[in-house]
Amino acid sequence: MSFQPNYKATLVILNDIEKQGLIQFNKEYLDEEFFRNFIKFRKIFSHTTSELVSKLDTFETKEEEITSFLIYSELSYINSHLEVIKTFLKIIVNPIKLEEGFGKDTTLQQMIERICKKMKYSKKLKKSIRGLFLLDFMDAISQQQFIIQNPGRLIIYHKDMEATIQLNIKDLADYATQAMDILSAMFDWSNGKTTKSERKSEVIDKIVDDLALQVQKLDEKLDKLS
């Protein structure tokens, strides 16, 4: 599989950060056991969710209730990836090189803003990077600016007509894939794999395939409900 756009964009940013001398290993933010467990967990999550979708017809619980559960599960899955991405950046970036530094309570939004400021990125590029790291989505979730509606819709910024975005399960699966691609690029970059191969690990590919199958099955279910 060729590099995905989000994977490549992440590598460009990481390589740029390295060229500008912002890299430093911060051991205090690294918990190897957590990272290994997280990789194992996301594989299990993807497989289990696919199984759940395939058996929707067999549950006594109403389909719309299961769909709402899946929406919230995907939401949490995406958010957990963004939190790990934040931790990864804290592991590799030298806080002294950033104007305001960072600490254990610094958010992903703040990390991205401070890195972009240090790199002197243009306003347009900053906006693109904000989209890459799903910061609008993360802001809405962290501020509890969302509601879940049936059949299968997550509405963020539901009180702001201009900012409101409606996301279905397929949209959330796309977001999940985007977050996985970013994290995959980060892991490959840190392990020195990106210059040797234009293939992601088989584990990541399998997760994405499971997620795509899950979306296809759920779309068919939602068509019947709507």
C-alpha atoms as a PDB file:
ATOM      1  CA  MET A   1       0.000   0.000   0.000  1.00  0.00           C
ATOM      2  CA  SER A   2       1.351   3.418  -0.935  1.00  0.00           C
ATOM      3  CA  PHE A   3       1.599   6.126   1.659  1.00  0.00           C
ATOM      4  CA  GLN A   4      -1.744   7.760   2.412  1.00  0.00           C
ATOM      5  CA  PRO A   5      -1.892  11.605   2.191  1.00  0.00           C
ATOM      6  CA  ASN A   6      -2.248  12.037   5.961  1.00  0.00           C
ATOM      7  CA  TYR A   7       0.661   9.670   6.548  1.00  0.00           C
ATOM      8  CA  LYS A   8       2.870  11.611   4.118  1.00  0.00           C
ATOM      9  CA  ALA A   9       1.809  14.990   5.514  1.00  0.00           C
ATOM     10  CA  THR A  10       2.750  13.851   9.022  1.00  0.00           C
ATOM     11  CA  LEU A  11       6.183  12.733   7.836  1.00  0.00           C
ATOM     12  CA  VAL A  12       6.774  16.113   6.177  1.00  0.00           C
ATOM     13  CA  ILE A  13       5.972  17.915   9.435  1.00  0.00           C
ATOM     14  CA  LEU A  14       8.130  15.586  11.546  1.00  0.00           C
ATOM     15  CA  ASN A  15      11.078  15.880   9.161  1.00  0.00           C
ATOM     16  CA  ASP A  16      10.649  19.656   9.138  1.00  0.00           C
ATOM     17  CA  ILE A  17      10.641  19.736  12.934  1.00  0.00           C
ATOM     18  CA  GLU A  18      13.809  17.656  12.962  1.00  0.00           C
ATOM     19  CA  LYS A  19      15.562  19.898  10.417  1.00  0.00           C
ATOM     20  CA  GLN A  20      14.774  22.931  12.562  1.00  0.00           C
ATOM     21  CA  GLY A  21      16.471  21.344  15.572  1.00  0.00           C
ATOM     22  CA  LEU A  22      13.370  20.917  17.720  1.00  0.00           C
ATOM     23  CA  ILE A  23      13.920  17.237  18.449  1.00  0.00           C
ATOM     24  CA  GLN A  24      14.784  16.009  21.928  1.00  0.00           C
ATOM     25  CA  PHE A  25      13.944  12.743  23.662  1.00  0.00           C
ATOM     26  CA  ASN A  26      11.888  13.429  26.778  1.00  0.00           C
ATOM     27  CA  LYS A  27      11.913  10.158  28.682  1.00  0.00           C
ATOM     28  CA  GLU A  28       9.460  11.339  31.338  1.00  0.00           C
ATOM     29  CA  TYR A  29       6.585  11.202  28.832  1.00  0.00           C
ATOM     30  CA  LEU A  30       7.376   7.718  27.534  1.00  0.00           C
ATOM     31  CA  ASP A  31       5.521   4.713  28.909  1.00  0.00           C
ATOM     32  CA  GLU A  32       6.496   1.801  26.660  1.00  0.00           C
ATOM     33  CA  GLU A  33       4.028  -0.578  28.283  1.00  0.00           C
ATOM     34  CA  PHE A  34       1.168   1.837  27.573  1.00  0.00           C
ATOM     35  CA  PHE A  35       2.145   2.239  23.914  1.00  0.00           C
ATOM     36  CA  ARG A  36       2.419  -1.522  23.381  1.00  0.00           C
ATOM     37  CA  ASN A  37      -0.934  -2.024  25.089  1.00  0.00           C
ATOM     38  CA  PHE A  38      -2.537   0.744  23.023  1.00  0.00           C
ATOM     39  CA  ILE A  39      -1.421  -0.836  19.746  1.00  0.00           C
ATOM     40  CA  LYS A  40      -2.840  -4.160  20.905  1.00  0.00           C
ATOM     41  CA  PHE A  41      -6.069  -2.504  22.063  1.00  0.00           C
ATOM     42  CA  ARG A  42      -6.809  -0.718  18.792  1.00  0.00           C
ATOM     43  CA  LYS A  43      -6.447  -3.959  16.850  1.00  0.00           C
ATOM     44  CA  ILE A  44      -8.906  -5.632  19.235  1.00  0.00           C
ATOM     45  CA  PHE A  45     -11.288  -2.667  19.066  1.00  0.00           C
ATOM     46  CA  SER A  46     -11.423  -2.701  15.282  1.00  0.00           C
ATOM     47  CA  HIS A  47     -12.039  -6.435  15.100  1.00  0.00           C
ATOM     48  CA  THR A  48     -14.669  -6.423  17.852  1.00  0.00           C
ATOM     49  CA  THR A  49     -16.550  -3.491  16.350  1.00  0.00           C
ATOM     50  CA  SER A  50     -16.654  -5.226  12.980  1.00  0.00           C
ATOM     51  CA  GLU A  51     -18.069  -8.327  14.656  1.00  0.00           C
ATOM     52  CA  LEU A  52     -20.661  -6.236  16.459  1.00  0.00           C
ATOM     53  CA  VAL A  53     -21.811  -4.594  13.240  1.00  0.00           C
ATOM     54  CA  SER A  54     -22.088  -7.940  11.457  1.00  0.00           C
ATOM     55  CA  LYS A  55     -24.391  -9.259  14.204  1.00  0.00           C
ATOM     56  CA  LEU A  56     -26.704  -6.268  14.556  1.00  0.00           C
ATOM     57  CA  ASP A  57     -29.722  -8.278  13.427  1.00  0.00           C
ATOM     58  CA  THR A  58     -29.255 -10.829  16.188  1.00  0.00           C
ATOM     59  CA  PHE A  59     -29.435  -8.432  19.156  1.00  0.00           C
ATOM     60  CA  GLU A  60     -32.567  -7.850  21.197  1.00  0.00           C
ATOM     61  CA  THR A  61     -31.414  -4.242  21.633  1.00  0.00           C
ATOM     62  CA  LYS A  62     -32.879  -1.859  19.029  1.00  0.00           C
ATOM     63  CA  GLU A  63     -30.622  -1.154  16.058  1.00  0.00           C
ATOM     64  CA  GLU A  64     -30.734   2.605  16.649  1.00  0.00           C
ATOM     65  CA  GLU A  65     -29.481   2.058  20.198  1.00  0.00           C
ATOM     66  CA  ILE A  66     -26.607  -0.098  19.007  1.00  0.00           C
ATOM     67  CA  THR A  67     -25.845   2.515  16.351  1.00  0.00           C
ATOM     68  CA  SER A  68     -25.654   5.242  19.001  1.00  0.00           C
ATOM     69  CA  PHE A  69     -23.318   3.029  21.000  1.00  0.00           C
ATOM     70  CA  LEU A  70     -21.111   2.562  17.939  1.00  0.00           C
ATOM     71  CA  ILE A  71     -21.059   6.312  17.285  1.00  0.00           C
ATOM     72  CA  TYR A  72     -19.871   6.973  20.831  1.00  0.00           C
ATOM     73  CA  SER A  73     -17.338   4.141  20.607  1.00  0.00           C
ATOM     74  CA  GLU A  74     -15.852   5.565  17.397  1.00  0.00           C
ATOM     75  CA  LEU A  75     -15.804   9.028  18.948  1.00  0.00           C
ATOM     76  CA  SER A  76     -13.851   7.705  21.930  1.00  0.00           C
ATOM     77  CA  TYR A  77     -11.557   5.688  19.657  1.00  0.00           C
ATOM     78  CA  ILE A  78     -10.619   8.779  17.661  1.00  0.00           C
ATOM     79  CA  ASN A  79     -10.117  10.845  20.793  1.00  0.00           C
ATOM     80  CA  SER A  80      -7.837   8.218  22.324  1.00  0.00           C
ATOM     81  CA  HIS A  81      -5.623   8.340  19.217  1.00  0.00           C
ATOM     82  CA  LEU A  82      -5.396  12.125  19.411  1.00  0.00           C
ATOM     83  CA  GLU A  83      -4.365  11.885  23.049  1.00  0.00           C
ATOM     84  CA  VAL A  84      -1.596   9.426  22.137  1.00  0.00           C
ATOM     85  CA  ILE A  85      -0.494  11.731  19.307  1.00  0.00           C
ATOM     86  CA  LYS A  86      -0.211  14.535  21.868  1.00  0.00           C
ATOM     87  CA  THR A  87       1.950  12.346  24.104  1.00  0.00           C
ATOM     88  CA  PHE A  88       4.175  11.361  21.185  1.00  0.00           C
ATOM     89  CA  LEU A  89       4.856  15.013  20.377  1.00  0.00           C
ATOM     90  CA  LYS A  90       5.781  15.637  24.008  1.00  0.00           C
ATOM     91  CA  ILE A  91       8.232  12.735  23.833  1.00  0.00           C
ATOM     92  CA  ILE A  92      10.118  14.075  20.807  1.00  0.00           C
ATOM     93  CA  VAL A  93       9.914  17.904  20.976  1.00  0.00           C
ATOM     94  CA  ASN A  94      12.326  19.999  23.027  1.00  0.00           C
ATOM     95  CA  PRO A  95      10.129  22.196  25.284  1.00  0.00           C
ATOM     96  CA  ILE A  96      12.880  24.776  25.616  1.00  0.00           C
ATOM     97  CA  LYS A  97      12.691  25.465  21.865  1.00  0.00           C
ATOM     98  CA  LEU A  98       9.008  26.445  22.084  1.00  0.00           C
ATOM     99  CA  GLU A  99       8.129  29.950  23.235  1.00  0.00           C
ATOM    100  CA  GLU A 100       5.744  28.764  25.937  1.00  0.00           C
ATOM    101  CA  GLY A 101       7.206  25.289  26.359  1.00  0.00           C
ATOM    102  CA  PHE A 102       4.832  22.548  27.476  1.00  0.00           C
ATOM    103  CA  GLY A 103       4.000  20.401  30.484  1.00  0.00           C
ATOM    104  CA  LYS A 104       1.858  17.445  31.446  1.00  0.00           C
ATOM    105  CA  ASP A 105      -1.351  19.504  31.180  1.00  0.00           C
ATOM    106  CA  THR A 106      -0.584  21.041  27.776  1.00  0.00           C
ATOM    107  CA  THR A 107      -3.250  20.041  25.243  1.00  0.00           C
ATOM    108  CA  LEU A 108      -2.730  18.774  21.699  1.00  0.00           C
ATOM    109  CA  GLN A 109      -4.189  22.038  20.412  1.00  0.00           C
ATOM    110  CA  GLN A 110      -1.580  24.012  22.360  1.00  0.00           C
ATOM    111  CA  MET A 111       1.227  21.707  21.222  1.00  0.00           C
ATOM    112  CA  ILE A 112       0.315  22.147  17.564  1.00  0.00           C
ATOM    113  CA  GLU A 113      -0.106  25.918  17.882  1.00  0.00           C
ATOM    114  CA  ARG A 114       3.265  26.344  19.602  1.00  0.00           C
ATOM    115  CA  ILE A 115       5.093  24.110  17.144  1.00  0.00           C
ATOM    116  CA  CYS A 116       3.546  25.946  14.173  1.00  0.00           C
ATOM    117  CA  LYS A 117       4.476  29.294  15.698  1.00  0.00           C
ATOM    118  CA  LYS A 118       8.069  28.185  16.190  1.00  0.00           C
ATOM    119  CA  MET A 119       8.233  26.855  12.646  1.00  0.00           C
ATOM    120  CA  LYS A 120       6.824  30.172  11.371  1.00  0.00           C
ATOM    121  CA  TYR A 121       4.250  28.412   9.251  1.00  0.00           C
ATOM    122  CA  SER A 122       1.851  30.511   7.187  1.00  0.00           C
ATOM    123  CA  LYS A 123      -1.755  31.022   8.274  1.00  0.00           C
ATOM    124  CA  LYS A 124      -2.942  28.762   5.458  1.00  0.00           C
ATOM    125  CA  LEU A 125      -0.555  25.980   6.457  1.00  0.00           C
ATOM    126  CA  LYS A 126      -1.542  26.300  10.108  1.00  0.00           C
ATOM    127  CA  LYS A 127      -5.172  25.830   9.111  1.00  0.00           C
ATOM    128  CA  SER A 128      -4.285  22.720   7.099  1.00  0.00           C
ATOM    129  CA  ILE A 129      -2.321  21.266  10.005  1.00  0.00           C
ATOM    130  CA  ARG A 130      -5.241  21.980  12.315  1.00  0.00           C
ATOM    131  CA  GLY A 131      -7.433  19.960   9.958  1.00  0.00           C
ATOM    132  CA  LEU A 132      -4.861  17.179   9.718  1.00  0.00           C
ATOM    133  CA  PHE A 133      -4.832  16.720  13.479  1.00  0.00           C
ATOM    134  CA  LEU A 134      -8.646  16.967  13.762  1.00  0.00           C
ATOM    135  CA  LEU A 135      -8.418  19.798  16.269  1.00  0.00           C
ATOM    136  CA  ASP A 136     -11.917  21.170  15.608  1.00  0.00           C
ATOM    137  CA  PHE A 137     -13.310  17.723  16.311  1.00  0.00           C
ATOM    138  CA  MET A 138     -11.207  17.355  19.447  1.00  0.00           C
ATOM    139  CA  ASP A 139     -12.235  20.810  20.687  1.00  0.00           C
ATOM    140  CA  ALA A 140     -15.915  19.960  20.287  1.00  0.00           C
ATOM    141  CA  ILE A 141     -15.567  16.657  22.106  1.00  0.00           C
ATOM    142  CA  SER A 142     -13.435  18.017  24.964  1.00  0.00           C
ATOM    143  CA  GLN A 143     -15.862  20.920  25.451  1.00  0.00           C
ATOM    144  CA  GLN A 144     -18.877  18.572  25.264  1.00  0.00           C
ATOM    145  CA  GLN A 145     -20.240  20.496  22.290  1.00  0.00           C
ATOM    146  CA  PHE A 146     -21.880  17.520  20.616  1.00  0.00           C
ATOM    147  CA  ILE A 147     -25.018  15.410  20.548  1.00  0.00           C
ATOM    148  CA  ILE A 148     -25.750  11.946  19.164  1.00  0.00           C
ATOM    149  CA  GLN A 149     -28.917  11.537  17.098  1.00  0.00           C
ATOM    150  CA  ASN A 150     -30.508   8.624  15.289  1.00  0.00           C
ATOM    151  CA  PRO A 151     -30.144   7.166  12.835  1.00  0.00           C
ATOM    152  CA  GLY A 152     -26.374   7.193  13.358  1.00  0.00           C
ATOM    153  CA  ARG A 153     -25.411  10.869  13.483  1.00  0.00           C
ATOM    154  CA  LEU A 154     -22.935  12.783  15.614  1.00  0.00           C
ATOM    155  CA  ILE A 155     -23.528  16.552  15.542  1.00  0.00           C
ATOM    156  CA  ILE A 156     -20.676  18.720  16.812  1.00  0.00           C
ATOM    157  CA  TYR A 157     -21.125  22.381  17.736  1.00  0.00           C
ATOM    158  CA  HIS A 158     -24.862  21.729  17.712  1.00  0.00           C
ATOM    159  CA  LYS A 159     -25.649  25.146  19.229  1.00  0.00           C
ATOM    160  CA  ASP A 160     -23.710  27.117  16.632  1.00  0.00           C
ATOM    161  CA  MET A 161     -25.445  27.062  13.232  1.00  0.00           C
ATOM    162  CA  GLU A 162     -22.353  28.347  11.405  1.00  0.00           C
ATOM    163  CA  ALA A 163     -19.970  25.835  12.977  1.00  0.00           C
ATOM    164  CA  THR A 164     -22.309  22.817  13.124  1.00  0.00           C
ATOM    165  CA  ILE A 165     -21.019  19.657  11.450  1.00  0.00           C
ATOM    166  CA  GLN A 166     -22.975  16.428  11.081  1.00  0.00           C
ATOM    167  CA  LEU A 167     -20.965  13.222  11.003  1.00  0.00           C
ATOM    168  CA  ASN A 168     -22.240   9.732  10.270  1.00  0.00           C
ATOM    169  CA  ILE A 169     -20.508   6.474  11.104  1.00  0.00           C
ATOM    170  CA  LYS A 170     -18.637   6.525   7.796  1.00  0.00           C
ATOM    171  CA  ASP A 171     -17.315  10.040   8.498  1.00  0.00           C
ATOM    172  CA  LEU A 172     -16.144   8.914  11.929  1.00  0.00           C
ATOM    173  CA  ALA A 173     -14.451   5.881  10.411  1.00  0.00           C
ATOM    174  CA  ASP A 174     -12.622   8.231   8.024  1.00  0.00           C
ATOM    175  CA  TYR A 175     -11.532  10.326  11.007  1.00  0.00           C
ATOM    176  CA  ALA A 176     -10.363   7.180  12.782  1.00  0.00           C
ATOM    177  CA  THR A 177      -8.338   6.144   9.736  1.00  0.00           C
ATOM    178  CA  GLN A 178      -6.839   9.636   9.565  1.00  0.00           C
ATOM    179  CA  ALA A 179      -5.793   9.507  13.220  1.00  0.00           C
ATOM    180  CA  MET A 180      -4.350   6.006  12.729  1.00  0.00           C
ATOM    181  CA  ASP A 181      -2.362   7.157   9.689  1.00  0.00           C
ATOM    182  CA  ILE A 182      -0.872  10.031  11.682  1.00  0.00           C
ATOM    183  CA  LEU A 183       0.122   7.765  14.545  1.00  0.00           C
ATOM    184  CA  SER A 184       1.458   5.138  12.150  1.00  0.00           C
ATOM    185  CA  ALA A 185       3.673   7.763  10.508  1.00  0.00           C
ATOM    186  CA  MET A 186       4.908   8.874  13.928  1.00  0.00           C
ATOM    187  CA  PHE A 187       5.809   5.329  14.950  1.00  0.00           C
ATOM    188  CA  ASP A 188       7.514   4.605  11.632  1.00  0.00           C
ATOM    189  CA  TRP A 189       9.402   7.902  11.764  1.00  0.00           C
ATOM    190  CA  SER A 190      10.636   7.245  15.295  1.00  0.00           C
ATOM    191  CA  ASN A 191      11.738   3.721  14.308  1.00  0.00           C
ATOM    192  CA  GLY A 192      13.568   4.939  11.204  1.00  0.00           C
ATOM    193  CA  LYS A 193      11.368   2.939   8.839  1.00  0.00           C
ATOM    194  CA  THR A 194      10.111   5.748   6.621  1.00  0.00           C
ATOM    195  CA  THR A 195      13.250   6.026   4.479  1.00  0.00           C
ATOM    196  CA  LYS A 196      13.381   2.292   3.743  1.00  0.00           C
ATOM    197  CA  SER A 197       9.875   1.449   2.633  1.00  0.00           C
ATOM    198  CA  GLU A 198       6.688   2.970   1.326  1.00  0.00           C
ATOM    199  CA  ARG A 199       4.555   0.382   3.092  1.00  0.00           C
ATOM    200  CA  LYS A 200       2.860   0.701   6.445  1.00  0.00           C
ATOM    201  CA  SER A 201       2.935  -2.231   8.832  1.00  0.00           C
ATOM    202  CA  GLU A 202       0.649  -5.189   8.169  1.00  0.00           C
ATOM    203  CA  VAL A 203      -0.956  -4.621  11.561  1.00  0.00           C
ATOM    204  CA  ILE A 204      -2.058  -1.101  10.612  1.00  0.00           C
ATOM    205  CA  ASP A 205      -3.271  -2.266   7.199  1.00  0.00           C
ATOM    206  CA  LYS A 206      -5.388  -4.984   8.821  1.00  0.00           C
ATOM    207  CA  ILE A 207      -6.969  -2.474  11.225  1.00  0.00           C
ATOM    208  CA  VAL A 208      -7.861  -0.121   8.363  1.00  0.00           C
ATOM    209  CA  ASP A 209      -9.315  -3.014   6.350  1.00  0.00           C
ATOM    210  CA  ASP A 210     -11.450  -4.093   9.316  1.00  0.00           C
ATOM    211  CA  LEU A 211     -12.626  -0.533   9.793  1.00  0.00           C
ATOM    212  CA  ALA A 212     -13.589  -0.208   6.117  1.00  0.00           C
ATOM    213  CA  LEU A 213     -15.562  -3.453   6.259  1.00  0.00           C
ATOM    214  CA  GLN A 214     -17.277  -2.289   9.429  1.00  0.00           C
ATOM    215  CA  VAL A 215     -18.342   0.962   7.735  1.00  0.00           C
ATOM    216  CA  GLN A 216     -19.679  -0.850   4.678  1.00  0.00           C
ATOM    217  CA  LYS A 217     -21.823  -3.151   6.801  1.00  0.00           C
ATOM    218  CA  LEU A 218     -23.111  -0.359   9.008  1.00  0.00           C
ATOM    219  CA  ASP A 219     -23.987   1.819   6.017  1.00  0.00           C
ATOM    220  CA  GLU A 220     -26.252  -0.936   4.755  1.00  0.00           C
ATOM    221  CA  LYS A 221     -27.941  -1.120   8.154  1.00  0.00           C
ATOM    222  CA  LEU A 222     -28.427   2.648   8.353  1.00  0.00           C
ATOM    223  CA  ASP A 223     -29.982   2.743   4.885  1.00  0.00           C
ATOM    224  CA  LYS A 224     -32.709   0.462   6.188  1.00  0.00           C
ATOM    225  CA  LEU A 225     -33.292   2.645   9.244  1.00  0.00           C
ATOM    226  CA  SER A 226     -33.463   5.996   7.448  1.00  0.00           C
END
